[in-house]
Amino acid sequence: MPRFYLDVLNGRRVLEDPDGQEFADVNAAMIEAVASARDLVAHGIMRNEDMSGRSFIVRDEKGETVATVPFRDALPGALSGSPLPGSDGRVLDQASLATLDTDLERVVEEHGRAFDEGERRFRDLIEALPAAIYTTDAEGRITFYNEAAVELSGRRPEVGRDRWCVTWRLYQPDGTPLPHDECAMAIAIKENRPIRGIEAMAERPDGTRIPILPFPTPLRDVSGEVVGAVNMLVDLSHRKRAEEGIGLH
């Protein structure tokens, strides 16, 4: 298969993709560029960095530009209004994960203010983000999720009925089945503490599996009692593929 290179254009600066990837054709490469653009925005949620002028430049094996994918086109509506963030690389590293953790704390703080000003404001905030985010009550029942969570999980959870996670099935990284009531979100609620660094494998109803990193964080009332939780699911597919590629060299 032909090899294509996905460079990131940021103003006049270009972050080159040194190794590239093999794709069936340029359309397949563009689909990957769209997915990567979503990741770049989601991985830096609320870092206050304007990405509206960034694009992916798709080059072929001869080094010629065969397509351009503006981030605005890859994320329709997501970059309008206040600027959304991103990172300068295509692969999520440990520093970016630490930033995500801080960003999620801001979301939780926003949730506390939202109870005073109306729950709708908080839900509007979550819905506007390209990251997969959902909330539950204190019993783990799903209370809200955004469209990014639907896209990642491949299903539309039933509010008030599904519990602990929006995913269809979960597995540990080694393939061992992981019951939803034992997942990171369940532990966070039951033990009233954020859970970090526990990877899992999410299975969609169509059978495809996606490596994810959850960021479950309890939501507490003024007395410190758990009233629910918010979780952000980070798709690790691109990072895993990059790691595998490095291992082959």
Protein backbone atom coordinates (compact mmCIF):
# COMPACT_ATOMS: atom_id res chain seq x y z
CA MET A 1 0.00 0.00 0.00
CA PRO A 2 1.13 3.57 -0.59
CA ARG A 3 2.55 5.56 2.30
CA PHE A 4 1.19 8.97 3.27
CA TYR A 5 2.52 11.57 5.69
CA LEU A 6 0.26 13.67 7.91
CA ASP A 7 1.98 16.94 8.76
CA VAL A 8 0.45 19.52 11.10
CA LEU A 9 0.41 23.09 9.83
CA ASN A 10 0.27 25.71 12.58
CA GLY A 11 0.53 29.16 11.06
CA ARG A 12 3.83 29.08 9.17
CA ARG A 13 5.28 26.29 11.27
CA VAL A 14 5.00 22.68 10.09
CA LEU A 15 5.33 19.68 12.38
CA GLU A 16 6.39 16.95 10.01
CA ASP A 17 5.30 13.33 10.25
CA PRO A 18 8.69 11.61 9.76
CA ASP A 19 7.56 8.01 9.29
CA GLY A 20 4.10 8.25 7.77
CA GLN A 21 1.61 5.39 7.57
CA GLU A 22 0.38 3.05 4.89
CA PHE A 23 -3.16 3.64 3.66
CA ALA A 24 -5.22 2.13 0.87
CA ASP A 25 -5.61 5.54 -0.78
CA VAL A 26 -5.69 9.25 -0.09
CA ASN A 27 -9.29 9.05 1.16
CA ALA A 28 -8.23 6.61 3.87
CA ALA A 29 -5.40 8.97 4.82
CA MET A 30 -7.88 11.86 5.06
CA ILE A 31 -10.13 9.82 7.35
CA GLU A 32 -7.14 9.25 9.61
CA ALA A 33 -6.37 12.98 9.52
CA VAL A 34 -9.91 13.77 10.67
CA ALA A 35 -9.63 11.27 13.54
CA SER A 36 -6.24 12.68 14.53
CA ALA A 37 -7.60 16.24 14.46
CA ARG A 38 -10.31 15.19 16.90
CA ASP A 39 -7.68 13.70 19.18
CA LEU A 40 -5.46 16.77 19.08
CA VAL A 41 -8.35 18.96 20.17
CA ALA A 42 -9.66 16.57 22.80
CA HIS A 43 -6.28 15.91 24.38
CA GLY A 44 -5.88 19.50 25.49
CA ILE A 45 -9.39 20.28 26.67
CA MET A 46 -9.77 23.85 27.90
CA ARG A 47 -6.07 24.75 27.71
CA ASN A 48 -7.13 28.00 26.10
CA GLU A 49 -5.14 27.42 22.91
CA ASP A 50 -6.69 28.56 19.64
CA MET A 51 -6.46 25.76 17.05
CA SER A 52 -8.80 27.25 14.48
CA GLY A 53 -5.94 27.97 12.08
CA ARG A 54 -4.35 24.51 12.16
CA SER A 55 -4.57 21.92 9.43
CA PHE A 56 -3.30 18.51 8.45
CA ILE A 57 -1.28 18.45 5.25
CA VAL A 58 -1.37 15.01 3.63
CA ARG A 59 1.74 14.22 1.56
CA ASP A 60 2.34 11.23 -0.67
CA GLU A 61 5.54 9.20 -1.04
CA LYS A 62 6.96 11.79 -3.45
CA GLY A 63 6.51 14.52 -0.86
CA GLU A 64 3.75 16.22 -2.82
CA THR A 65 0.71 17.61 -1.01
CA VAL A 66 -2.36 15.63 -2.07
CA ALA A 67 -4.90 16.92 0.47
CA THR A 68 -5.40 19.45 3.25
CA VAL A 69 -7.69 18.86 6.22
CA PRO A 70 -8.41 22.02 8.27
CA PHE A 71 -9.21 21.29 11.87
CA ARG A 72 -12.38 23.36 11.49
CA ASP A 73 -13.64 20.94 8.86
CA ALA A 74 -12.66 17.91 10.91
CA LEU A 75 -14.58 19.20 13.93
CA PRO A 76 -17.65 21.02 12.60
CA GLY A 77 -18.86 23.55 15.14
CA ALA A 78 -16.40 22.48 17.83
CA LEU A 79 -13.95 25.30 17.15
CA SER A 80 -16.49 28.09 16.94
CA GLY A 81 -16.89 30.46 19.83
CA SER A 82 -14.23 30.25 22.53
CA PRO A 83 -11.00 28.61 21.37
CA LEU A 84 -10.47 24.98 22.14
CA PRO A 85 -7.07 23.50 22.86
CA GLY A 86 -4.76 20.99 21.41
CA SER A 87 -1.23 19.65 21.55
CA ASP A 88 1.64 19.96 19.11
CA GLY A 89 2.13 16.22 18.58
CA ARG A 90 -0.07 13.45 17.26
CA VAL A 91 0.65 11.06 20.12
CA LEU A 92 -0.57 11.59 23.66
CA ASP A 93 2.42 11.57 26.04
CA GLN A 94 2.62 11.55 29.84
CA ALA A 95 2.80 15.34 30.05
CA SER A 96 -0.40 15.63 28.02
CA LEU A 97 -2.11 13.10 30.26
CA ALA A 98 -1.14 15.16 33.30
CA THR A 99 -2.65 18.21 31.62
CA LEU A 100 -5.86 16.27 30.95
CA ASP A 101 -6.05 15.48 34.63
CA THR A 102 -5.84 19.17 35.50
CA ASP A 103 -8.40 20.03 32.84
CA LEU A 104 -10.88 17.53 34.22
CA GLU A 105 -10.55 19.13 37.66
CA ARG A 106 -11.67 22.37 36.03
CA VAL A 107 -14.71 20.60 34.62
CA VAL A 108 -15.55 19.32 38.11
CA GLU A 109 -15.21 22.84 39.52
CA GLU A 110 -17.51 24.05 36.76
CA HIS A 111 -20.02 21.39 37.79
CA GLY A 112 -20.09 22.79 41.33
CA ARG A 113 -20.89 26.23 40.00
CA ALA A 114 -23.43 24.75 37.63
CA PHE A 115 -25.56 23.46 40.49
CA ASP A 116 -25.97 27.05 41.58
CA GLU A 117 -26.57 28.46 38.11
CA GLY A 118 -28.41 25.57 36.48
CA GLU A 119 -27.46 22.06 35.40
CA ARG A 120 -28.06 22.96 31.78
CA ARG A 121 -24.96 25.15 31.71
CA PHE A 122 -22.75 22.24 32.76
CA ARG A 123 -24.32 19.94 30.19
CA ASP A 124 -23.83 22.52 27.46
CA LEU A 125 -20.15 22.67 28.43
CA ILE A 126 -19.74 18.88 28.14
CA GLU A 127 -21.68 18.67 24.88
CA ALA A 128 -19.41 21.27 23.27
CA LEU A 129 -16.26 19.27 23.98
CA PRO A 130 -14.94 16.71 21.47
CA ALA A 131 -13.73 14.41 24.26
CA ALA A 132 -15.91 11.48 25.34
CA ILE A 133 -17.43 12.60 28.64
CA TYR A 134 -20.36 11.33 30.69
CA THR A 135 -21.80 11.71 34.19
CA THR A 136 -23.55 9.40 36.64
CA ASP A 137 -25.47 9.73 39.87
CA ALA A 138 -24.21 8.37 43.20
CA GLU A 139 -25.48 4.88 42.27
CA GLY A 140 -23.54 4.85 39.03
CA ARG A 141 -26.58 5.34 36.78
CA ILE A 142 -25.80 7.31 33.63
CA THR A 143 -27.32 10.79 33.85
CA PHE A 144 -25.78 12.47 30.81
CA TYR A 145 -23.30 11.87 27.98
CA ASN A 146 -22.13 13.83 24.97
CA GLU A 147 -22.05 12.81 21.33
CA ALA A 148 -18.31 12.16 21.51
CA ALA A 149 -19.07 9.39 24.03
CA VAL A 150 -21.54 7.87 21.57
CA GLU A 151 -18.94 7.95 18.82
CA LEU A 152 -16.27 6.30 20.97
CA SER A 153 -18.51 3.60 22.44
CA GLY A 154 -20.44 2.88 19.23
CA ARG A 155 -23.74 2.95 21.08
CA ARG A 156 -26.24 5.28 22.70
CA PRO A 157 -26.54 4.43 26.42
CA GLU A 158 -29.90 4.51 28.17
CA VAL A 159 -29.98 7.34 30.69
CA GLY A 160 -31.11 6.18 34.12
CA ARG A 161 -30.67 2.51 33.24
CA ASP A 162 -27.09 1.90 32.09
CA ARG A 163 -24.63 1.99 34.96
CA TRP A 164 -20.98 2.82 35.51
CA CYS A 165 -19.88 3.26 31.90
CA VAL A 166 -21.18 4.21 28.46
CA THR A 167 -19.28 1.34 26.83
CA TRP A 168 -20.91 -1.92 25.76
CA ARG A 169 -18.26 -4.20 27.21
CA LEU A 170 -14.99 -3.68 29.01
CA TYR A 171 -11.80 -5.72 29.22
CA GLN A 172 -8.53 -5.43 31.03
CA PRO A 173 -5.51 -4.73 28.77
CA ASP A 174 -4.67 -8.45 28.69
CA GLY A 175 -8.14 -9.31 27.38
CA THR A 176 -9.66 -10.47 30.67
CA PRO A 177 -13.35 -9.42 30.91
CA LEU A 178 -13.88 -6.45 33.20
CA PRO A 179 -17.37 -6.20 34.75
CA HIS A 180 -18.75 -2.68 34.64
CA ASP A 181 -19.27 -2.65 38.41
CA GLU A 182 -15.53 -3.23 38.83
CA CYS A 183 -14.37 -0.60 36.34
CA ALA A 184 -12.48 2.56 37.29
CA MET A 185 -15.67 4.66 37.38
CA ALA A 186 -17.31 2.25 39.82
CA ILE A 187 -14.26 2.32 42.08
CA ALA A 188 -14.14 6.13 42.00
CA ILE A 189 -17.75 6.37 43.17
CA LYS A 190 -17.58 3.59 45.75
CA GLU A 191 -14.30 4.83 47.26
CA ASN A 192 -14.99 8.56 46.77
CA ARG A 193 -11.68 9.26 45.05
CA PRO A 194 -10.40 10.00 41.55
CA ILE A 195 -8.89 7.01 39.74
CA ARG A 196 -5.95 7.54 37.41
CA GLY A 197 -3.61 5.47 35.29
CA ILE A 198 -5.79 2.36 34.83
CA GLU A 199 -6.10 1.50 31.16
CA ALA A 200 -8.89 -0.67 29.78
CA MET A 201 -10.19 -2.01 26.49
CA ALA A 202 -13.66 -0.92 25.36
CA GLU A 203 -15.62 -3.16 23.00
CA ARG A 204 -18.24 -1.72 20.69
CA PRO A 205 -21.38 -3.65 19.72
CA ASP A 206 -19.80 -4.32 16.30
CA GLY A 207 -16.94 -6.17 18.00
CA THR A 208 -14.17 -3.61 17.53
CA ARG A 209 -12.03 -2.90 20.58
CA ILE A 210 -10.46 0.41 21.53
CA PRO A 211 -7.77 0.97 24.19
CA ILE A 212 -8.94 3.72 26.53
CA LEU A 213 -7.71 5.61 29.57
CA PRO A 214 -10.54 6.73 31.88
CA PHE A 215 -10.41 9.75 34.19
CA PRO A 216 -13.29 9.10 36.65
CA THR A 217 -13.72 11.84 39.24
CA PRO A 218 -16.36 11.96 42.01
CA LEU A 219 -18.73 14.92 42.24
CA ARG A 220 -19.41 15.98 45.83
CA ASP A 221 -21.87 18.25 47.55
CA VAL A 222 -20.88 20.93 50.08
CA SER A 223 -20.64 18.32 52.84
CA GLY A 224 -18.26 16.15 50.84
CA GLU A 225 -20.79 13.43 50.08
CA VAL A 226 -20.66 11.83 46.64
CA VAL A 227 -23.58 12.96 44.48
CA GLY A 228 -22.27 11.44 41.27
CA ALA A 229 -19.19 11.35 39.08
CA VAL A 230 -17.83 12.60 35.77
CA ASN A 231 -15.64 10.51 33.52
CA MET A 232 -13.57 11.33 30.45
CA LEU A 233 -12.53 8.44 28.19
CA VAL A 234 -9.35 9.05 26.21
CA ASP A 235 -8.88 6.97 23.07
CA LEU A 236 -5.34 5.54 23.13
CA SER A 237 -5.48 3.96 19.67
CA HIS A 238 -3.09 6.40 18.03
CA ARG A 239 -0.58 6.19 20.87
CA LYS A 240 -0.67 2.39 20.84
CA ARG A 241 -0.08 2.28 17.09
CA ALA A 242 2.83 4.69 17.46
CA GLU A 243 4.35 2.57 20.23
CA GLU A 244 4.01 -0.55 18.13
CA GLY A 245 5.65 1.22 15.22
CA ILE A 246 8.58 2.26 17.39
CA GLY A 247 8.97 -1.31 18.60
CA LEU A 248 9.36 -2.53 15.02
CA HIS A 249 12.42 -0.38 14.35
